[in-house]
């Protein structure tokens, strides 16, 4: 029905991302850890795709000690899902 959401939650036990850095790491090219190789695009791409589809990406502390990423997207109805499949 209306208002239903698909929620994907990922927790890790890594070093996490400080609360004050979380808004920055969803911008292209920004990385939380400069010592670890990467392009700084991963969270930015997820955030962009979430917004395009009417959802959001939230970052928080994980109970495992690292980072929790929660992706929420509006759930598509069965008719929409069938038409997307073909």
PDB file of N, CA and C in Angstrom:
ATOM      1  N   UNK A   1       0.803  -1.180   0.000  1.00  0.00           N
ATOM      2  CA  UNK A   1       0.000   0.000   0.000  1.00  0.00           C
ATOM      3  C   UNK A   1       0.852   1.251   0.000  1.00  0.00           C
ATOM      4  N   UNK A   2       0.205   2.393   0.006  1.00  0.00           N
ATOM      5  CA  UNK A   2       0.924   3.662   0.033  1.00  0.00           C
ATOM      6  C   UNK A   2       1.735   3.775   1.315  1.00  0.00           C
ATOM      7  N   UNK A   3       2.914   4.349   1.196  1.00  0.00           N
ATOM      8  CA  UNK A   3       3.755   4.568   2.357  1.00  0.00           C
ATOM      9  C   UNK A   3       4.635   3.379   2.727  1.00  0.00           C
ATOM     10  N   UNK A   4       4.466   2.248   2.048  1.00  0.00           N
ATOM     11  CA  UNK A   4       5.321   1.105   2.347  1.00  0.00           C
ATOM     12  C   UNK A   4       6.720   1.362   1.822  1.00  0.00           C
ATOM     13  N   UNK A   5       7.717   0.853   2.547  1.00  0.00           N
ATOM     14  CA  UNK A   5       9.101   1.086   2.185  1.00  0.00           C
ATOM     15  C   UNK A   5       9.878  -0.218   2.161  1.00  0.00           C
ATOM     16  N   UNK A   6      10.864  -0.236   1.304  1.00  0.00           N
ATOM     17  CA  UNK A   6      11.869  -1.282   1.312  1.00  0.00           C
ATOM     18  C   UNK A   6      13.025  -0.726   2.126  1.00  0.00           C
ATOM     19  N   UNK A   7      13.455  -1.445   3.147  1.00  0.00           N
ATOM     20  CA  UNK A   7      14.534  -0.979   4.010  1.00  0.00           C
ATOM     21  C   UNK A   7      15.669  -1.992   3.963  1.00  0.00           C
ATOM     22  N   UNK A   8      16.852  -1.501   3.635  1.00  0.00           N
ATOM     23  CA  UNK A   8      18.063  -2.327   3.643  1.00  0.00           C
ATOM     24  C   UNK A   8      18.995  -1.723   4.677  1.00  0.00           C
ATOM     25  N   UNK A   9      19.366  -2.535   5.660  1.00  0.00           N
ATOM     26  CA  UNK A   9      20.250  -2.060   6.714  1.00  0.00           C
ATOM     27  C   UNK A   9      21.520  -2.895   6.706  1.00  0.00           C
ATOM     28  N   UNK A  10      22.664  -2.206   6.740  1.00  0.00           N
ATOM     29  CA  UNK A  10      23.962  -2.873   6.778  1.00  0.00           C
ATOM     30  C   UNK A  10      24.729  -2.348   7.978  1.00  0.00           C
ATOM     31  N   UNK A  11      25.186  -3.266   8.826  1.00  0.00           N
ATOM     32  CA  UNK A  11      26.016  -2.916   9.974  1.00  0.00           C
ATOM     33  C   UNK A  11      27.398  -3.522   9.783  1.00  0.00           C
ATOM     34  N   UNK A  12      28.423  -2.792  10.192  1.00  0.00           N
ATOM     35  CA  UNK A  12      29.758  -3.373  10.193  1.00  0.00           C
ATOM     36  C   UNK A  12      30.435  -3.094  11.529  1.00  0.00           C
ATOM     37  N   UNK A  13      31.555  -3.764  11.718  1.00  0.00           N
ATOM     38  CA  UNK A  13      32.289  -3.598  12.975  1.00  0.00           C
ATOM     39  C   UNK A  13      33.635  -2.912  12.741  1.00  0.00           C
ATOM     40  N   UNK A  14      33.719  -2.126  11.664  1.00  0.00           N
ATOM     41  CA  UNK A  14      34.937  -1.390  11.343  1.00  0.00           C
ATOM     42  C   UNK A  14      35.121  -0.174  12.231  1.00  0.00           C
ATOM     43  N   UNK A  15      35.932   0.762  11.779  1.00  0.00           N
ATOM     44  CA  UNK A  15      36.231   1.943  12.588  1.00  0.00           C
ATOM     45  C   UNK A  15      35.096   2.949  12.604  1.00  0.00           C
ATOM     46  N   UNK A  16      34.129   2.798  11.703  1.00  0.00           N
ATOM     47  CA  UNK A  16      32.988   3.703  11.669  1.00  0.00           C
ATOM     48  C   UNK A  16      33.338   5.041  11.047  1.00  0.00           C
ATOM     49  N   UNK A  17      32.385   5.925  11.041  1.00  0.00           N
ATOM     50  CA  UNK A  17      32.561   7.292  10.536  1.00  0.00           C
ATOM     51  C   UNK A  17      31.990   8.223  11.590  1.00  0.00           C
ATOM     52  N   UNK A  18      32.788   9.174  12.021  1.00  0.00           N
ATOM     53  CA  UNK A  18      32.353  10.111  13.057  1.00  0.00           C
ATOM     54  C   UNK A  18      31.090  10.845  12.616  1.00  0.00           C
ATOM     55  N   UNK A  19      30.217  11.117  13.561  1.00  0.00           N
ATOM     56  CA  UNK A  19      28.941  11.778  13.260  1.00  0.00           C
ATOM     57  C   UNK A  19      29.154  13.070  12.476  1.00  0.00           C
ATOM     58  N   UNK A  20      30.187  13.823  12.798  1.00  0.00           N
ATOM     59  CA  UNK A  20      30.449  15.082  12.120  1.00  0.00           C
ATOM     60  C   UNK A  20      30.942  14.935  10.697  1.00  0.00           C
ATOM     61  N   UNK A  21      31.342  13.736  10.301  1.00  0.00           N
ATOM     62  CA  UNK A  21      31.843  13.485   8.943  1.00  0.00           C
ATOM     63  C   UNK A  21      30.801  12.845   8.032  1.00  0.00           C
ATOM     64  N   UNK A  22      29.681  12.416   8.579  1.00  0.00           N
ATOM     65  CA  UNK A  22      28.715  11.616   7.802  1.00  0.00           C
ATOM     66  C   UNK A  22      28.077  12.387   6.659  1.00  0.00           C
ATOM     67  N   UNK A  23      27.780  13.659   6.851  1.00  0.00           N
ATOM     68  CA  UNK A  23      27.207  14.441   5.749  1.00  0.00           C
ATOM     69  C   UNK A  23      28.219  14.595   4.621  1.00  0.00           C
ATOM     70  N   UNK A  24      29.495  14.711   4.970  1.00  0.00           N
ATOM     71  CA  UNK A  24      30.536  14.918   3.963  1.00  0.00           C
ATOM     72  C   UNK A  24      30.788  13.665   3.129  1.00  0.00           C
ATOM     73  N   UNK A  25      30.750  12.477   3.742  1.00  0.00           N
ATOM     74  CA  UNK A  25      31.140  11.267   3.008  1.00  0.00           C
ATOM     75  C   UNK A  25      30.139  10.845   1.945  1.00  0.00           C
ATOM     76  N   UNK A  26      28.978  11.481   1.888  1.00  0.00           N
ATOM     77  CA  UNK A  26      28.050  11.161   0.801  1.00  0.00           C
ATOM     78  C   UNK A  26      28.254  12.108  -0.389  1.00  0.00           C
ATOM     79  N   UNK A  27      29.236  12.997  -0.295  1.00  0.00           N
ATOM     80  CA  UNK A  27      29.590  13.852  -1.434  1.00  0.00           C
ATOM     81  C   UNK A  27      30.675  13.154  -2.254  1.00  0.00           C
ATOM     82  N   UNK A  28      30.600  13.313  -3.551  1.00  0.00           N
ATOM     83  CA  UNK A  28      31.562  12.664  -4.460  1.00  0.00           C
ATOM     84  C   UNK A  28      33.001  13.037  -4.122  1.00  0.00           C
ATOM     85  N   UNK A  29      33.836  12.013  -4.080  1.00  0.00           N
ATOM     86  CA  UNK A  29      35.268  12.216  -3.875  1.00  0.00           C
ATOM     87  C   UNK A  29      35.697  12.337  -2.425  1.00  0.00           C
ATOM     88  N   UNK A  30      34.757  12.325  -1.498  1.00  0.00           N
ATOM     89  CA  UNK A  30      35.105  12.446  -0.080  1.00  0.00           C
ATOM     90  C   UNK A  30      35.170  11.050   0.524  1.00  0.00           C
ATOM     91  N   UNK A  31      36.284  10.762   1.198  1.00  0.00           N
ATOM     92  CA  UNK A  31      36.465   9.464   1.854  1.00  0.00           C
ATOM     93  C   UNK A  31      36.651   9.676   3.343  1.00  0.00           C
ATOM     94  N   UNK A  32      36.193   8.717   4.116  1.00  0.00           N
ATOM     95  CA  UNK A  32      36.323   8.805   5.572  1.00  0.00           C
ATOM     96  C   UNK A  32      37.755   8.525   6.005  1.00  0.00           C
ATOM     97  N   UNK A  33      38.442   7.655   5.285  1.00  0.00           N
ATOM     98  CA  UNK A  33      39.793   7.249   5.668  1.00  0.00           C
ATOM     99  C   UNK A  33      40.725   7.427   4.478  1.00  0.00           C
ATOM    100  N   UNK A  34      41.578   8.420   4.554  1.00  0.00           N
ATOM    101  CA  UNK A  34      42.486   8.714   3.444  1.00  0.00           C
ATOM    102  C   UNK A  34      43.589   7.658   3.290  1.00  0.00           C
ATOM    103  N   UNK A  35      43.790   6.810   4.299  1.00  0.00           N
ATOM    104  CA  UNK A  35      44.826   5.783   4.231  1.00  0.00           C
ATOM    105  C   UNK A  35      44.363   4.535   3.489  1.00  0.00           C
ATOM    106  N   UNK A  36      43.062   4.409   3.280  1.00  0.00           N
ATOM    107  CA  UNK A  36      42.512   3.253   2.581  1.00  0.00           C
ATOM    108  C   UNK A  36      42.235   3.652   1.140  1.00  0.00           C
ATOM    109  N   UNK A  37      42.736   2.863   0.161  1.00  0.00           N
ATOM    110  CA  UNK A  37      42.502   3.217  -1.242  1.00  0.00           C
ATOM    111  C   UNK A  37      41.011   3.259  -1.573  1.00  0.00           C
ATOM    112  N   UNK A  38      40.657   4.142  -2.461  1.00  0.00           N
ATOM    113  CA  UNK A  38      39.279   4.245  -2.918  1.00  0.00           C
ATOM    114  C   UNK A  38      39.080   5.553  -3.648  1.00  0.00           C
ATOM    115  N   UNK A  39      37.935   5.663  -4.299  1.00  0.00           N
ATOM    116  CA  UNK A  39      37.644   6.857  -5.087  1.00  0.00           C
ATOM    117  C   UNK A  39      36.705   7.818  -4.377  1.00  0.00           C
ATOM    118  N   UNK A  40      36.088   7.381  -3.274  1.00  0.00           N
ATOM    119  CA  UNK A  40      35.139   8.240  -2.580  1.00  0.00           C
ATOM    120  C   UNK A  40      33.821   8.374  -3.320  1.00  0.00           C
ATOM    121  N   UNK A  41      33.449   7.351  -4.080  1.00  0.00           N
ATOM    122  CA  UNK A  41      32.207   7.416  -4.856  1.00  0.00           C
ATOM    123  C   UNK A  41      31.095   6.525  -4.313  1.00  0.00           C
ATOM    124  N   UNK A  42      31.416   5.487  -3.572  1.00  0.00           N
ATOM    125  CA  UNK A  42      30.434   4.484  -3.170  1.00  0.00           C
ATOM    126  C   UNK A  42      29.205   5.047  -2.481  1.00  0.00           C
ATOM    127  N   UNK A  43      29.386   5.718  -1.351  1.00  0.00           N
ATOM    128  CA  UNK A  43      28.240   6.247  -0.615  1.00  0.00           C
ATOM    129  C   UNK A  43      27.550   7.367  -1.384  1.00  0.00           C
ATOM    130  N   UNK A  44      28.326   8.107  -2.161  1.00  0.00           N
ATOM    131  CA  UNK A  44      27.747   9.175  -2.978  1.00  0.00           C
ATOM    132  C   UNK A  44      26.783   8.604  -4.019  1.00  0.00           C
ATOM    133  N   UNK A  45      27.190   7.532  -4.662  1.00  0.00           N
ATOM    134  CA  UNK A  45      26.336   6.898  -5.674  1.00  0.00           C
ATOM    135  C   UNK A  45      25.073   6.333  -5.039  1.00  0.00           C
ATOM    136  N   UNK A  46      25.216   5.669  -3.899  1.00  0.00           N
ATOM    137  CA  UNK A  46      24.044   5.112  -3.207  1.00  0.00           C
ATOM    138  C   UNK A  46      23.089   6.235  -2.805  1.00  0.00           C
ATOM    139  N   UNK A  47      23.636   7.330  -2.273  1.00  0.00           N
ATOM    140  CA  UNK A  47      22.801   8.460  -1.867  1.00  0.00           C
ATOM    141  C   UNK A  47      22.082   9.071  -3.066  1.00  0.00           C
ATOM    142  N   UNK A  48      22.801   9.256  -4.182  1.00  0.00           N
ATOM    143  CA  UNK A  48      22.181   9.800  -5.394  1.00  0.00           C
ATOM    144  C   UNK A  48      21.045   8.907  -5.896  1.00  0.00           C
ATOM    145  N   UNK A  49      21.297   7.598  -5.970  1.00  0.00           N
ATOM    146  CA  UNK A  49      20.271   6.666  -6.448  1.00  0.00           C
ATOM    147  C   UNK A  49      19.062   6.643  -5.522  1.00  0.00           C
ATOM    148  N   UNK A  50      19.310   6.695  -4.222  1.00  0.00           N
ATOM    149  CA  UNK A  50      18.197   6.731  -3.266  1.00  0.00           C
ATOM    150  C   UNK A  50      17.320   7.952  -3.514  1.00  0.00           C
ATOM    151  N   UNK A  51      17.933   9.114  -3.660  1.00  0.00           N
ATOM    152  CA  UNK A  51      17.169  10.348  -3.862  1.00  0.00           C
ATOM    153  C   UNK A  51      16.401  10.326  -5.187  1.00  0.00           C
ATOM    154  N   UNK A  52      17.040   9.826  -6.242  1.00  0.00           N
ATOM    155  CA  UNK A  52      16.389   9.744  -7.558  1.00  0.00           C
ATOM    156  C   UNK A  52      15.102   8.921  -7.464  1.00  0.00           C
ATOM    157  N   UNK A  53      15.130   7.897  -6.620  1.00  0.00           N
ATOM    158  CA  UNK A  53      13.981   6.996  -6.503  1.00  0.00           C
ATOM    159  C   UNK A  53      13.077   7.339  -5.326  1.00  0.00           C
ATOM    160  N   UNK A  54      13.236   8.542  -4.767  1.00  0.00           N
ATOM    161  CA  UNK A  54      12.352   8.987  -3.702  1.00  0.00           C
ATOM    162  C   UNK A  54      12.675   8.424  -2.332  1.00  0.00           C
ATOM    163  N   UNK A  55      13.890   7.952  -2.156  1.00  0.00           N
ATOM    164  CA  UNK A  55      14.288   7.369  -0.876  1.00  0.00           C
ATOM    165  C   UNK A  55      15.382   8.173  -0.207  1.00  0.00           C
ATOM    166  N   UNK A  56      16.019   7.544   0.751  1.00  0.00           N
ATOM    167  CA  UNK A  56      17.105   8.217   1.451  1.00  0.00           C
ATOM    168  C   UNK A  56      18.102   7.211   1.997  1.00  0.00           C
ATOM    169  N   UNK A  57      19.319   7.697   2.204  1.00  0.00           N
ATOM    170  CA  UNK A  57      20.388   6.937   2.845  1.00  0.00           C
ATOM    171  C   UNK A  57      20.691   7.626   4.160  1.00  0.00           C
ATOM    172  N   UNK A  58      20.678   6.857   5.242  1.00  0.00           N
ATOM    173  CA  UNK A  58      21.036   7.397   6.554  1.00  0.00           C
ATOM    174  C   UNK A  58      22.221   6.627   7.101  1.00  0.00           C
ATOM    175  N   UNK A  59      23.128   7.343   7.735  1.00  0.00           N
ATOM    176  CA  UNK A  59      24.306   6.738   8.356  1.00  0.00           C
ATOM    177  C   UNK A  59      24.241   6.979   9.859  1.00  0.00           C
ATOM    178  N   UNK A  60      24.605   5.963  10.630  1.00  0.00           N
ATOM    179  CA  UNK A  60      24.550   6.061  12.088  1.00  0.00           C
ATOM    180  C   UNK A  60      25.600   5.128  12.684  1.00  0.00           C
ATOM    181  N   UNK A  61      25.736   5.182  13.993  1.00  0.00           N
ATOM    182  CA  UNK A  61      26.601   4.229  14.686  1.00  0.00           C
ATOM    183  C   UNK A  61      25.946   2.857  14.669  1.00  0.00           C
ATOM    184  N   UNK A  62      26.747   1.832  14.465  1.00  0.00           N
ATOM    185  CA  UNK A  62      26.254   0.461  14.491  1.00  0.00           C
ATOM    186  C   UNK A  62      26.422  -0.118  15.893  1.00  0.00           C
ATOM    187  N   UNK A  63      25.498  -0.959  16.315  1.00  0.00           N
ATOM    188  CA  UNK A  63      25.695  -1.638  17.597  1.00  0.00           C
ATOM    189  C   UNK A  63      26.903  -2.580  17.573  1.00  0.00           C
ATOM    190  N   UNK A  64      27.412  -2.870  16.376  1.00  0.00           N
ATOM    191  CA  UNK A  64      28.606  -3.709  16.251  1.00  0.00           C
ATOM    192  C   UNK A  64      29.882  -2.905  16.465  1.00  0.00           C
ATOM    193  N   UNK A  65      29.758  -1.581  16.568  1.00  0.00           N
ATOM    194  CA  UNK A  65      30.919  -0.732  16.819  1.00  0.00           C
ATOM    195  C   UNK A  65      31.361   0.086  15.632  1.00  0.00           C
ATOM    196  N   UNK A  66      30.885  -0.236  14.436  1.00  0.00           N
ATOM    197  CA  UNK A  66      31.277   0.489  13.232  1.00  0.00           C
ATOM    198  C   UNK A  66      30.169   1.408  12.748  1.00  0.00           C
ATOM    199  N   UNK A  67      29.851   1.260  11.475  1.00  0.00           N
ATOM    200  CA  UNK A  67      28.862   2.116  10.829  1.00  0.00           C
ATOM    201  C   UNK A  67      27.604   1.326  10.504  1.00  0.00           C
ATOM    202  N   UNK A  68      26.467   1.977  10.628  1.00  0.00           N
ATOM    203  CA  UNK A  68      25.194   1.429  10.148  1.00  0.00           C
ATOM    204  C   UNK A  68      24.750   2.306   8.984  1.00  0.00           C
ATOM    205  N   UNK A  69      24.480   1.684   7.848  1.00  0.00           N
ATOM    206  CA  UNK A  69      23.926   2.381   6.688  1.00  0.00           C
ATOM    207  C   UNK A  69      22.517   1.846   6.477  1.00  0.00           C
ATOM    208  N   UNK A  70      21.558   2.753   6.400  1.00  0.00           N
ATOM    209  CA  UNK A  70      20.161   2.361   6.193  1.00  0.00           C
ATOM    210  C   UNK A  70      19.685   3.017   4.903  1.00  0.00           C
ATOM    211  N   UNK A  71      19.302   2.193   3.945  1.00  0.00           N
ATOM    212  CA  UNK A  71      18.763   2.662   2.672  1.00  0.00           C
ATOM    213  C   UNK A  71      17.273   2.402   2.685  1.00  0.00           C
ATOM    214  N   UNK A  72      16.482   3.450   2.522  1.00  0.00           N
ATOM    215  CA  UNK A  72      15.026   3.324   2.455  1.00  0.00           C
ATOM    216  C   UNK A  72      14.553   3.784   1.087  1.00  0.00           C
ATOM    217  N   UNK A  73      13.745   2.931   0.452  1.00  0.00           N
ATOM    218  CA  UNK A  73      13.166   3.238  -0.855  1.00  0.00           C
ATOM    219  C   UNK A  73      11.677   2.974  -0.797  1.00  0.00           C
ATOM    220  N   UNK A  74      10.878   3.760  -1.525  1.00  0.00           N
ATOM    221  CA  UNK A  74       9.452   3.466  -1.583  1.00  0.00           C
ATOM    222  C   UNK A  74       9.250   2.094  -2.223  1.00  0.00           C
ATOM    223  N   UNK A  75       8.373   1.298  -1.641  1.00  0.00           N
ATOM    224  CA  UNK A  75       8.088  -0.025  -2.196  1.00  0.00           C
ATOM    225  C   UNK A  75       7.195   0.137  -3.419  1.00  0.00           C
ATOM    226  N   UNK A  76       7.541  -0.559  -4.485  1.00  0.00           N
ATOM    227  CA  UNK A  76       6.725  -0.530  -5.700  1.00  0.00           C
ATOM    228  C   UNK A  76       5.572  -1.513  -5.537  1.00  0.00           C
ATOM    229  N   UNK A  77       4.433  -1.165  -6.099  1.00  0.00           N
ATOM    230  CA  UNK A  77       3.300  -2.085  -6.084  1.00  0.00           C
ATOM    231  C   UNK A  77       3.569  -3.268  -6.994  1.00  0.00           C
ATOM    232  N   UNK A  78       2.756  -4.293  -6.885  1.00  0.00           N
ATOM    233  CA  UNK A  78       2.950  -5.490  -7.714  1.00  0.00           C
ATOM    234  C   UNK A  78       2.863  -5.181  -9.199  1.00  0.00           C
ATOM    235  N   UNK A  79       1.960  -4.315  -9.597  1.00  0.00           N
ATOM    236  CA  UNK A  79       1.815  -3.984 -11.025  1.00  0.00           C
ATOM    237  C   UNK A  79       3.077  -3.302 -11.533  1.00  0.00           C
ATOM    238  N   UNK A  80       3.621  -2.393 -10.746  1.00  0.00           N
ATOM    239  CA  UNK A  80       4.848  -1.703 -11.152  1.00  0.00           C
ATOM    240  C   UNK A  80       6.003  -2.679 -11.245  1.00  0.00           C
ATOM    241  N   UNK A  81       6.076  -3.606 -10.311  1.00  0.00           N
ATOM    242  CA  UNK A  81       7.156  -4.592 -10.317  1.00  0.00           C
ATOM    243  C   UNK A  81       7.054  -5.497 -11.537  1.00  0.00           C
ATOM    244  N   UNK A  82       5.835  -5.924 -11.876  1.00  0.00           N
ATOM    245  CA  UNK A  82       5.656  -6.783 -13.057  1.00  0.00           C
ATOM    246  C   UNK A  82       6.037  -6.049 -14.331  1.00  0.00           C
ATOM    247  N   UNK A  83       5.654  -4.785 -14.448  1.00  0.00           N
ATOM    248  CA  UNK A  83       5.957  -4.053 -15.677  1.00  0.00           C
ATOM    249  C   UNK A  83       7.450  -3.800 -15.801  1.00  0.00           C
ATOM    250  N   UNK A  84       8.157  -3.669 -14.688  1.00  0.00           N
ATOM    251  CA  UNK A  84       9.596  -3.453 -14.734  1.00  0.00           C
ATOM    252  C   UNK A  84      10.320  -4.712 -15.184  1.00  0.00           C
ATOM    253  N   UNK A  85       9.768  -5.875 -14.848  1.00  0.00           N
ATOM    254  CA  UNK A  85      10.385  -7.142 -15.216  1.00  0.00           C
ATOM    255  C   UNK A  85      10.151  -7.452 -16.683  1.00  0.00           C
ATOM    256  N   UNK A  86       9.042  -7.051 -17.219  1.00  0.00           N
ATOM    257  CA  UNK A  86       8.905  -7.261 -18.628  1.00  0.00           C
ATOM    258  C   UNK A  86       7.595  -7.677 -19.097  1.00  0.00           C
TER     259      UNK A  86
END
